[in-house]
Amino acid sequence: MRISATLTLLASLVLLGYSSPSPALAESKSFDTAMKPILEPYLVVQEALASDKMEGVKKAAKAIARAAKKLDASTVTGEHKDHFAKLPQKIQAAAAELTEAKDLESAREAFKKLSRPVAMWAQMTEPEGVSVVFCSMAKGSWVQSGADIRNPYYGAKMLACGEVISGAPAKGHSH
């Protein structure tokens, strides 16, 4: 199933206009440093949704939106610099939608939109300590830390559903 999940993700990236990710194709150290204030609250949201909770989601989403305003993609060079140019706006818009979420279902849909640019960045730069995981059932990826897959799209119903497609290996299963 790993090949299937990887092919599905790559097909999705191609449809979105992205080419195969490779850290060697983008010089993004300054941008990556500026992503830390986004990644930290992003991981709070991922964990809350995986735990079927809304506590802390809006606060974290607001922090993500504020930090996204400070991202400067013009510092990125290399083949993928055009992809990085769109990330701040995509992250900011999705975080704003997440702040308006009224329940787990709407929060998960908004998080899926937020995860697209964050997961793309993580696949291209492979930041230390996190993995990009894909769930074929949810047709979405997310970034997480930790060794056990914690699916934010299904929570307790299918907590371990997903497959690591980039970064540190994790324990889980795919469908």
N, C-alpha and C. Protein backbone atom coordinates (compact mmCIF):
# COMPACT_ATOMS: atom_id res chain seq x y z
N MET A 1 0.80 -1.19 0.00
CA MET A 1 0.00 0.00 0.00
C MET A 1 0.86 1.27 0.00
N ARG A 2 2.10 1.19 0.46
CA ARG A 2 2.96 2.37 0.51
C ARG A 2 3.13 2.96 -0.88
N ILE A 3 3.33 2.12 -1.87
CA ILE A 3 3.49 2.60 -3.24
C ILE A 3 2.21 3.29 -3.69
N SER A 4 1.06 2.72 -3.37
CA SER A 4 -0.22 3.31 -3.74
C SER A 4 -0.39 4.70 -3.12
N ALA A 5 -0.07 4.83 -1.84
CA ALA A 5 -0.21 6.11 -1.15
C ALA A 5 0.75 7.14 -1.74
N THR A 6 1.98 6.71 -2.01
CA THR A 6 2.97 7.62 -2.58
C THR A 6 2.54 8.06 -3.97
N LEU A 7 2.07 7.14 -4.78
CA LEU A 7 1.62 7.49 -6.12
C LEU A 7 0.42 8.42 -6.07
N THR A 8 -0.49 8.19 -5.15
CA THR A 8 -1.65 9.07 -5.01
C THR A 8 -1.20 10.47 -4.64
N LEU A 9 -0.28 10.59 -3.69
CA LEU A 9 0.21 11.90 -3.29
C LEU A 9 0.93 12.58 -4.45
N LEU A 10 1.81 11.86 -5.12
CA LEU A 10 2.53 12.46 -6.24
C LEU A 10 1.57 12.90 -7.34
N ALA A 11 0.55 12.10 -7.61
CA ALA A 11 -0.45 12.49 -8.60
C ALA A 11 -1.16 13.76 -8.15
N SER A 12 -1.47 13.86 -6.87
CA SER A 12 -2.11 15.06 -6.34
C SER A 12 -1.21 16.27 -6.51
N LEU A 13 0.07 16.10 -6.20
CA LEU A 13 1.00 17.20 -6.35
C LEU A 13 1.13 17.64 -7.80
N VAL A 14 1.15 16.68 -8.71
CA VAL A 14 1.22 17.01 -10.13
C VAL A 14 -0.03 17.79 -10.55
N LEU A 15 -1.20 17.34 -10.08
CA LEU A 15 -2.43 18.03 -10.41
C LEU A 15 -2.44 19.45 -9.85
N LEU A 16 -1.78 19.65 -8.71
CA LEU A 16 -1.70 20.98 -8.13
C LEU A 16 -0.59 21.81 -8.76
N GLY A 17 0.16 21.23 -9.66
CA GLY A 17 1.20 21.98 -10.34
C GLY A 17 2.56 21.88 -9.68
N TYR A 18 2.75 20.92 -8.81
CA TYR A 18 4.03 20.75 -8.14
C TYR A 18 4.78 19.59 -8.77
N SER A 19 6.10 19.73 -8.81
CA SER A 19 6.90 18.62 -9.30
C SER A 19 7.43 17.83 -8.11
N SER A 20 8.13 16.76 -8.37
CA SER A 20 8.66 15.89 -7.31
C SER A 20 9.47 16.70 -6.31
N PRO A 21 9.21 16.53 -5.03
CA PRO A 21 9.95 17.28 -4.03
C PRO A 21 11.38 16.79 -3.88
N SER A 22 12.27 17.72 -3.61
CA SER A 22 13.65 17.37 -3.34
C SER A 22 14.30 18.51 -2.58
N PRO A 23 14.81 18.25 -1.39
CA PRO A 23 15.42 19.31 -0.62
C PRO A 23 16.59 19.97 -1.34
N ALA A 24 17.25 19.25 -2.22
CA ALA A 24 18.40 19.80 -2.93
C ALA A 24 17.99 20.85 -3.96
N LEU A 25 16.72 20.91 -4.31
CA LEU A 25 16.28 21.81 -5.36
C LEU A 25 15.78 23.15 -4.84
N ALA A 26 15.84 23.39 -3.56
CA ALA A 26 15.40 24.66 -3.01
C ALA A 26 16.34 25.08 -1.89
N GLU A 27 16.81 26.32 -1.97
CA GLU A 27 17.59 26.90 -0.89
C GLU A 27 16.61 27.73 -0.08
N SER A 28 16.26 27.22 1.10
CA SER A 28 15.16 27.82 1.83
C SER A 28 15.42 27.98 3.33
N LYS A 29 16.68 28.06 3.74
CA LYS A 29 16.99 28.08 5.18
C LYS A 29 16.27 29.21 5.93
N SER A 30 16.26 30.39 5.39
CA SER A 30 15.59 31.52 6.05
C SER A 30 14.09 31.28 6.14
N PHE A 31 13.51 30.80 5.06
CA PHE A 31 12.08 30.48 5.03
C PHE A 31 11.77 29.37 6.03
N ASP A 32 12.62 28.35 6.06
CA ASP A 32 12.41 27.22 6.98
C ASP A 32 12.44 27.68 8.43
N THR A 33 13.35 28.60 8.75
CA THR A 33 13.41 29.15 10.10
C THR A 33 12.11 29.88 10.43
N ALA A 34 11.58 30.61 9.47
CA ALA A 34 10.33 31.35 9.67
C ALA A 34 9.12 30.42 9.76
N MET A 35 9.27 29.17 9.31
CA MET A 35 8.17 28.20 9.40
C MET A 35 8.04 27.62 10.81
N LYS A 36 9.07 27.71 11.64
CA LYS A 36 8.99 27.13 12.99
C LYS A 36 7.80 27.67 13.79
N PRO A 37 7.54 28.99 13.77
CA PRO A 37 6.38 29.49 14.51
C PRO A 37 5.04 29.04 13.90
N ILE A 38 5.07 28.47 12.73
CA ILE A 38 3.88 27.89 12.13
C ILE A 38 3.79 26.41 12.48
N LEU A 39 4.91 25.73 12.39
CA LEU A 39 4.93 24.29 12.63
C LEU A 39 4.52 23.93 14.06
N GLU A 40 4.99 24.69 15.02
CA GLU A 40 4.68 24.38 16.42
C GLU A 40 3.17 24.41 16.70
N PRO A 41 2.44 25.50 16.38
CA PRO A 41 0.99 25.47 16.61
C PRO A 41 0.26 24.51 15.66
N TYR A 42 0.82 24.30 14.47
CA TYR A 42 0.24 23.32 13.55
C TYR A 42 0.20 21.94 14.22
N LEU A 43 1.30 21.57 14.87
CA LEU A 43 1.37 20.27 15.54
C LEU A 43 0.40 20.19 16.72
N VAL A 44 0.11 21.32 17.36
CA VAL A 44 -0.89 21.37 18.42
C VAL A 44 -2.26 21.02 17.84
N VAL A 45 -2.58 21.61 16.68
CA VAL A 45 -3.86 21.35 16.02
C VAL A 45 -3.93 19.88 15.60
N GLN A 46 -2.87 19.38 14.99
CA GLN A 46 -2.85 17.99 14.53
C GLN A 46 -3.12 17.05 15.68
N GLU A 47 -2.49 17.28 16.80
CA GLU A 47 -2.67 16.40 17.96
C GLU A 47 -4.07 16.54 18.55
N ALA A 48 -4.59 17.76 18.62
CA ALA A 48 -5.94 17.96 19.15
C ALA A 48 -6.97 17.23 18.30
N LEU A 49 -6.88 17.38 16.99
CA LEU A 49 -7.84 16.73 16.10
C LEU A 49 -7.70 15.20 16.14
N ALA A 50 -6.48 14.72 16.25
CA ALA A 50 -6.27 13.27 16.37
C ALA A 50 -6.89 12.75 17.67
N SER A 51 -6.98 13.62 18.68
CA SER A 51 -7.57 13.26 19.97
C SER A 51 -9.06 13.59 20.03
N ASP A 52 -9.64 13.97 18.88
CA ASP A 52 -11.06 14.31 18.79
C ASP A 52 -11.43 15.49 19.69
N LYS A 53 -10.55 16.47 19.78
CA LYS A 53 -10.77 17.64 20.64
C LYS A 53 -10.63 18.93 19.84
N MET A 54 -11.33 19.96 20.31
CA MET A 54 -11.24 21.29 19.70
C MET A 54 -10.42 22.25 20.57
N GLU A 55 -10.12 21.85 21.81
CA GLU A 55 -9.38 22.72 22.71
C GLU A 55 -8.04 23.12 22.12
N GLY A 56 -7.80 24.41 22.07
CA GLY A 56 -6.53 24.94 21.58
C GLY A 56 -6.46 25.11 20.08
N VAL A 57 -7.44 24.62 19.34
CA VAL A 57 -7.39 24.67 17.87
C VAL A 57 -7.47 26.11 17.37
N LYS A 58 -8.43 26.87 17.85
CA LYS A 58 -8.59 28.26 17.36
C LYS A 58 -7.40 29.13 17.74
N LYS A 59 -6.91 28.98 18.96
CA LYS A 59 -5.76 29.75 19.41
C LYS A 59 -4.54 29.43 18.53
N ALA A 60 -4.32 28.16 18.28
CA ALA A 60 -3.19 27.74 17.44
C ALA A 60 -3.36 28.24 16.01
N ALA A 61 -4.59 28.18 15.49
CA ALA A 61 -4.86 28.65 14.13
C ALA A 61 -4.57 30.14 14.00
N LYS A 62 -4.92 30.91 15.01
CA LYS A 62 -4.62 32.35 15.00
C LYS A 62 -3.12 32.59 15.00
N ALA A 63 -2.38 31.81 15.78
CA ALA A 63 -0.92 31.93 15.81
C ALA A 63 -0.32 31.58 14.44
N ILE A 64 -0.88 30.58 13.79
CA ILE A 64 -0.40 30.19 12.46
C ILE A 64 -0.66 31.33 11.47
N ALA A 65 -1.85 31.91 11.51
CA ALA A 65 -2.19 33.01 10.59
C ALA A 65 -1.26 34.20 10.80
N ARG A 66 -0.98 34.54 12.07
CA ARG A 66 -0.06 35.66 12.35
C ARG A 66 1.34 35.36 11.83
N ALA A 67 1.82 34.15 12.08
CA ALA A 67 3.17 33.79 11.64
C ALA A 67 3.26 33.73 10.12
N ALA A 68 2.19 33.31 9.46
CA ALA A 68 2.20 33.23 7.98
C ALA A 68 2.36 34.61 7.36
N LYS A 69 1.85 35.63 8.02
CA LYS A 69 2.00 37.00 7.51
C LYS A 69 3.46 37.43 7.47
N LYS A 70 4.28 36.81 8.30
CA LYS A 70 5.70 37.17 8.39
C LYS A 70 6.58 36.34 7.46
N LEU A 71 6.01 35.33 6.81
CA LEU A 71 6.81 34.50 5.90
C LEU A 71 7.23 35.31 4.69
N ASP A 72 8.49 35.19 4.31
CA ASP A 72 9.00 35.88 3.13
C ASP A 72 9.57 34.85 2.16
N ALA A 73 8.75 34.48 1.20
CA ALA A 73 9.16 33.46 0.24
C ALA A 73 10.18 33.99 -0.77
N SER A 74 10.40 35.29 -0.81
CA SER A 74 11.36 35.84 -1.78
C SER A 74 12.79 35.44 -1.45
N THR A 75 13.03 34.92 -0.25
CA THR A 75 14.38 34.49 0.13
C THR A 75 14.72 33.11 -0.42
N VAL A 76 13.73 32.40 -0.95
CA VAL A 76 13.94 31.04 -1.46
C VAL A 76 14.48 31.11 -2.88
N THR A 77 15.50 30.29 -3.12
CA THR A 77 16.06 30.20 -4.47
C THR A 77 16.00 28.75 -4.91
N GLY A 78 16.28 28.51 -6.16
CA GLY A 78 16.29 27.15 -6.67
C GLY A 78 15.05 26.83 -7.48
N GLU A 79 14.98 25.59 -7.91
CA GLU A 79 13.93 25.14 -8.82
C GLU A 79 12.52 25.32 -8.27
N HIS A 80 12.35 25.16 -6.96
CA HIS A 80 11.02 25.20 -6.36
C HIS A 80 10.64 26.56 -5.77
N LYS A 81 11.39 27.60 -6.07
CA LYS A 81 11.10 28.90 -5.46
C LYS A 81 9.69 29.38 -5.79
N ASP A 82 9.19 29.05 -6.99
CA ASP A 82 7.83 29.47 -7.35
C ASP A 82 6.78 28.79 -6.49
N HIS A 83 7.02 27.56 -6.08
CA HIS A 83 6.08 26.86 -5.20
C HIS A 83 6.06 27.49 -3.81
N PHE A 84 7.22 27.89 -3.34
CA PHE A 84 7.31 28.54 -2.03
C PHE A 84 6.61 29.89 -2.05
N ALA A 85 6.60 30.57 -3.19
CA ALA A 85 5.99 31.90 -3.28
C ALA A 85 4.53 31.89 -2.88
N LYS A 86 3.83 30.79 -3.12
CA LYS A 86 2.40 30.70 -2.84
C LYS A 86 2.09 30.21 -1.42
N LEU A 87 3.07 29.67 -0.73
CA LEU A 87 2.82 29.08 0.57
C LEU A 87 2.30 30.05 1.63
N PRO A 88 2.90 31.25 1.78
CA PRO A 88 2.39 32.13 2.84
C PRO A 88 0.89 32.44 2.72
N GLN A 89 0.44 32.75 1.51
CA GLN A 89 -0.98 33.08 1.31
C GLN A 89 -1.86 31.86 1.55
N LYS A 90 -1.44 30.69 1.08
CA LYS A 90 -2.23 29.48 1.27
C LYS A 90 -2.34 29.11 2.74
N ILE A 91 -1.23 29.23 3.46
CA ILE A 91 -1.22 28.92 4.89
C ILE A 91 -2.11 29.91 5.64
N GLN A 92 -1.97 31.19 5.33
CA GLN A 92 -2.75 32.22 6.00
C GLN A 92 -4.25 32.03 5.76
N ALA A 93 -4.65 31.76 4.53
CA ALA A 93 -6.08 31.58 4.20
C ALA A 93 -6.65 30.36 4.90
N ALA A 94 -5.92 29.26 4.89
CA ALA A 94 -6.40 28.04 5.53
C ALA A 94 -6.46 28.20 7.05
N ALA A 95 -5.49 28.89 7.63
CA ALA A 95 -5.50 29.12 9.08
C ALA A 95 -6.68 30.01 9.47
N ALA A 96 -6.98 30.99 8.64
CA ALA A 96 -8.14 31.86 8.90
C ALA A 96 -9.43 31.04 8.89
N GLU A 97 -9.54 30.12 7.94
CA GLU A 97 -10.71 29.24 7.88
C GLU A 97 -10.78 28.36 9.13
N LEU A 98 -9.65 27.88 9.59
CA LEU A 98 -9.60 27.04 10.77
C LEU A 98 -10.06 27.80 12.02
N THR A 99 -9.76 29.09 12.09
CA THR A 99 -10.19 29.87 13.26
C THR A 99 -11.71 29.98 13.32
N GLU A 100 -12.39 29.80 12.20
CA GLU A 100 -13.85 29.90 12.13
C GLU A 100 -14.55 28.55 12.33
N ALA A 101 -13.79 27.48 12.45
CA ALA A 101 -14.39 26.15 12.58
C ALA A 101 -15.26 26.07 13.83
N LYS A 102 -16.45 25.50 13.65
CA LYS A 102 -17.42 25.41 14.75
C LYS A 102 -17.44 24.04 15.42
N ASP A 103 -16.91 23.02 14.73
CA ASP A 103 -16.96 21.66 15.25
C ASP A 103 -15.81 20.86 14.67
N LEU A 104 -15.67 19.61 15.11
CA LEU A 104 -14.57 18.76 14.64
C LEU A 104 -14.59 18.58 13.13
N GLU A 105 -15.77 18.37 12.56
CA GLU A 105 -15.86 18.13 11.12
C GLU A 105 -15.34 19.33 10.32
N SER A 106 -15.78 20.53 10.66
CA SER A 106 -15.32 21.71 9.91
C SER A 106 -13.85 22.00 10.21
N ALA A 107 -13.41 21.72 11.43
CA ALA A 107 -12.00 21.91 11.77
C ALA A 107 -11.12 20.95 10.97
N ARG A 108 -11.57 19.72 10.82
CA ARG A 108 -10.79 18.74 10.05
C ARG A 108 -10.72 19.11 8.58
N GLU A 109 -11.79 19.63 8.02
CA GLU A 109 -11.77 20.06 6.62
C GLU A 109 -10.82 21.25 6.43
N ALA A 110 -10.87 22.20 7.35
CA ALA A 110 -9.97 23.36 7.28
C ALA A 110 -8.52 22.92 7.49
N PHE A 111 -8.32 21.96 8.40
CA PHE A 111 -6.97 21.46 8.66
C PHE A 111 -6.41 20.75 7.42
N LYS A 112 -7.26 20.08 6.70
CA LYS A 112 -6.81 19.41 5.47
C LYS A 112 -6.29 20.45 4.47
N LYS A 113 -6.99 21.58 4.38
CA LYS A 113 -6.54 22.67 3.49
C LYS A 113 -5.22 23.27 3.99
N LEU A 114 -5.10 23.41 5.30
CA LEU A 114 -3.87 23.94 5.89
C LEU A 114 -2.71 22.96 5.68
N SER A 115 -3.02 21.69 5.76
CA SER A 115 -1.97 20.66 5.65
C SER A 115 -1.38 20.57 4.24
N ARG A 116 -2.13 20.94 3.23
CA ARG A 116 -1.58 20.86 1.86
C ARG A 116 -0.29 21.66 1.72
N PRO A 117 -0.29 22.97 2.01
CA PRO A 117 0.97 23.71 1.86
C PRO A 117 2.01 23.34 2.91
N VAL A 118 1.59 23.03 4.13
CA VAL A 118 2.55 22.67 5.18
C VAL A 118 3.22 21.34 4.85
N ALA A 119 2.45 20.37 4.38
CA ALA A 119 3.02 19.07 4.01
C ALA A 119 3.93 19.20 2.78
N MET A 120 3.53 20.05 1.83
CA MET A 120 4.39 20.25 0.66
C MET A 120 5.74 20.82 1.10
N TRP A 121 5.70 21.83 1.96
CA TRP A 121 6.94 22.41 2.47
C TRP A 121 7.77 21.34 3.19
N ALA A 122 7.13 20.57 4.05
CA ALA A 122 7.86 19.55 4.82
C ALA A 122 8.45 18.48 3.91
N GLN A 123 7.76 18.13 2.84
CA GLN A 123 8.33 17.14 1.91
C GLN A 123 9.53 17.72 1.17
N MET A 124 9.47 18.99 0.84
CA MET A 124 10.55 19.60 0.08
C MET A 124 11.78 19.86 0.93
N THR A 125 11.58 20.14 2.22
CA THR A 125 12.71 20.54 3.06
C THR A 125 13.08 19.51 4.11
N GLU A 126 12.19 18.56 4.39
CA GLU A 126 12.41 17.50 5.38
C GLU A 126 12.94 18.03 6.71
N PRO A 127 12.14 18.84 7.41
CA PRO A 127 12.58 19.35 8.71
C PRO A 127 12.75 18.21 9.71
N GLU A 128 13.72 18.37 10.58
CA GLU A 128 14.05 17.32 11.55
C GLU A 128 12.92 17.13 12.56
N GLY A 129 12.64 15.87 12.87
CA GLY A 129 11.70 15.55 13.93
C GLY A 129 10.25 15.41 13.52
N VAL A 130 9.96 15.59 12.24
CA VAL A 130 8.57 15.44 11.80
C VAL A 130 8.49 14.53 10.58
N SER A 131 7.30 14.02 10.37
CA SER A 131 7.03 13.16 9.22
C SER A 131 5.83 13.72 8.47
N VAL A 132 5.78 13.44 7.19
CA VAL A 132 4.58 13.71 6.40
C VAL A 132 3.88 12.36 6.25
N VAL A 133 2.61 12.33 6.62
CA VAL A 133 1.82 11.10 6.59
C VAL A 133 0.66 11.32 5.63
N PHE A 134 0.31 10.27 4.88
CA PHE A 134 -0.80 10.32 3.94
C PHE A 134 -1.83 9.27 4.32
N CYS A 135 -3.10 9.68 4.33
CA CYS A 135 -4.19 8.75 4.58
C CYS A 135 -5.02 8.65 3.30
N SER A 136 -5.02 7.48 2.69
CA SER A 136 -5.77 7.29 1.45
C SER A 136 -7.27 7.35 1.69
N MET A 137 -7.71 7.01 2.89
CA MET A 137 -9.14 7.07 3.21
C MET A 137 -9.63 8.52 3.24
N ALA A 138 -8.82 9.41 3.82
CA ALA A 138 -9.17 10.83 3.91
C ALA A 138 -8.73 11.60 2.67
N LYS A 139 -7.91 10.96 1.86
CA LYS A 139 -7.32 11.62 0.69
C LYS A 139 -6.62 12.92 1.09
N GLY A 140 -5.81 12.79 2.15
CA GLY A 140 -5.09 13.96 2.64
C GLY A 140 -3.84 13.58 3.39
N SER A 141 -2.93 14.53 3.42
CA SER A 141 -1.66 14.38 4.14
C SER A 141 -1.66 15.31 5.33
N TRP A 142 -0.73 15.07 6.24
CA TRP A 142 -0.50 15.98 7.35
C TRP A 142 0.93 15.80 7.81
N VAL A 143 1.37 16.73 8.64
CA VAL A 143 2.70 16.67 9.24
C VAL A 143 2.49 16.34 10.71
N GLN A 144 3.34 15.47 11.24
CA GLN A 144 3.23 15.11 12.65
C GLN A 144 4.61 14.81 13.21
N SER A 145 4.70 14.82 14.53
CA SER A 145 5.90 14.36 15.21
C SER A 145 5.53 13.07 15.94
N GLY A 146 6.50 12.36 16.40
CA GLY A 146 6.23 11.13 17.15
C GLY A 146 6.27 9.89 16.29
N ALA A 147 6.44 8.75 16.95
CA ALA A 147 6.61 7.48 16.26
C ALA A 147 5.30 6.81 15.85
N ASP A 148 4.20 7.15 16.52
CA ASP A 148 2.91 6.52 16.21
C ASP A 148 2.08 7.44 15.33
N ILE A 149 1.53 6.89 14.26
CA ILE A 149 0.64 7.67 13.40
C ILE A 149 -0.59 8.06 14.20
N ARG A 150 -0.94 9.36 14.13
CA ARG A 150 -2.11 9.89 14.82
C ARG A 150 -2.90 10.70 13.81
N ASN A 151 -3.88 10.05 13.22
CA ASN A 151 -4.65 10.61 12.12
C ASN A 151 -5.60 11.71 12.60
N PRO A 152 -5.38 12.96 12.16
CA PRO A 152 -6.23 14.06 12.59
C PRO A 152 -7.58 14.09 11.86
N TYR A 153 -7.71 13.37 10.77
CA TYR A 153 -8.94 13.41 9.97
C TYR A 153 -10.00 12.43 10.47
N TYR A 154 -9.58 11.39 11.18
CA TYR A 154 -10.53 10.40 11.70
C TYR A 154 -10.46 10.26 13.22
N GLY A 155 -9.41 10.73 13.85
CA GLY A 155 -9.31 10.61 15.29
C GLY A 155 -9.39 9.17 15.74
N ALA A 156 -10.10 8.93 16.84
CA ALA A 156 -10.17 7.60 17.45
C ALA A 156 -10.76 6.54 16.52
N LYS A 157 -11.59 6.95 15.57
CA LYS A 157 -12.21 5.98 14.65
C LYS A 157 -11.16 5.22 13.84
N MET A 158 -10.13 5.92 13.41
CA MET A 158 -9.08 5.30 12.58
C MET A 158 -7.74 5.98 12.90
N LEU A 159 -7.39 6.01 14.15
CA LEU A 159 -6.24 6.78 14.63
C LEU A 159 -4.94 6.42 13.94
N ALA A 160 -4.70 5.16 13.67
CA ALA A 160 -3.41 4.73 13.10
C ALA A 160 -3.45 4.62 11.58
N CYS A 161 -4.52 5.09 10.95
CA CYS A 161 -4.63 4.99 9.50
C CYS A 161 -3.73 6.03 8.84
N GLY A 162 -2.79 5.58 8.05
CA GLY A 162 -1.90 6.47 7.33
C GLY A 162 -0.59 5.80 7.04
N GLU A 163 0.17 6.44 6.20
CA GLU A 163 1.47 5.91 5.80
C GLU A 163 2.46 7.06 5.69
N VAL A 164 3.62 6.90 6.30
CA VAL A 164 4.65 7.93 6.22
C VAL A 164 5.17 7.99 4.79
N ILE A 165 5.15 9.18 4.22
CA ILE A 165 5.66 9.35 2.86
C ILE A 165 6.94 10.19 2.83
N SER A 166 7.27 10.81 3.97
CA SER A 166 8.49 11.62 4.05
C SER A 166 8.86 11.79 5.51
N GLY A 167 10.14 11.76 5.80
CA GLY A 167 10.59 11.98 7.17
C GLY A 167 10.78 10.70 7.94
N ALA A 168 10.78 10.83 9.26
CA ALA A 168 11.02 9.70 10.16
C ALA A 168 9.93 8.65 10.03
N PRO A 169 10.27 7.36 10.10
CA PRO A 169 9.26 6.32 10.03
C PRO A 169 8.34 6.38 11.25
N ALA A 170 7.11 6.00 11.04
CA ALA A 170 6.12 5.95 12.12
C ALA A 170 5.38 4.62 12.06
N LYS A 171 4.70 4.31 13.14
CA LYS A 171 3.92 3.07 13.20
C LYS A 171 2.48 3.38 12.83
N GLY A 172 1.91 2.62 11.91
CA GLY A 172 0.53 2.81 11.51
C GLY A 172 0.18 1.81 10.44
N HIS A 173 -0.92 2.04 9.77
CA HIS A 173 -1.29 1.17 8.67
C HIS A 173 -2.05 1.97 7.63
N SER A 174 -2.08 1.45 6.41
CA SER A 174 -2.79 2.12 5.34
C SER A 174 -3.91 1.23 4.85
N HIS A 175 -4.84 1.82 4.15
CA HIS A 175 -5.98 1.09 3.59
C HIS A 175 -5.93 1.12 2.09
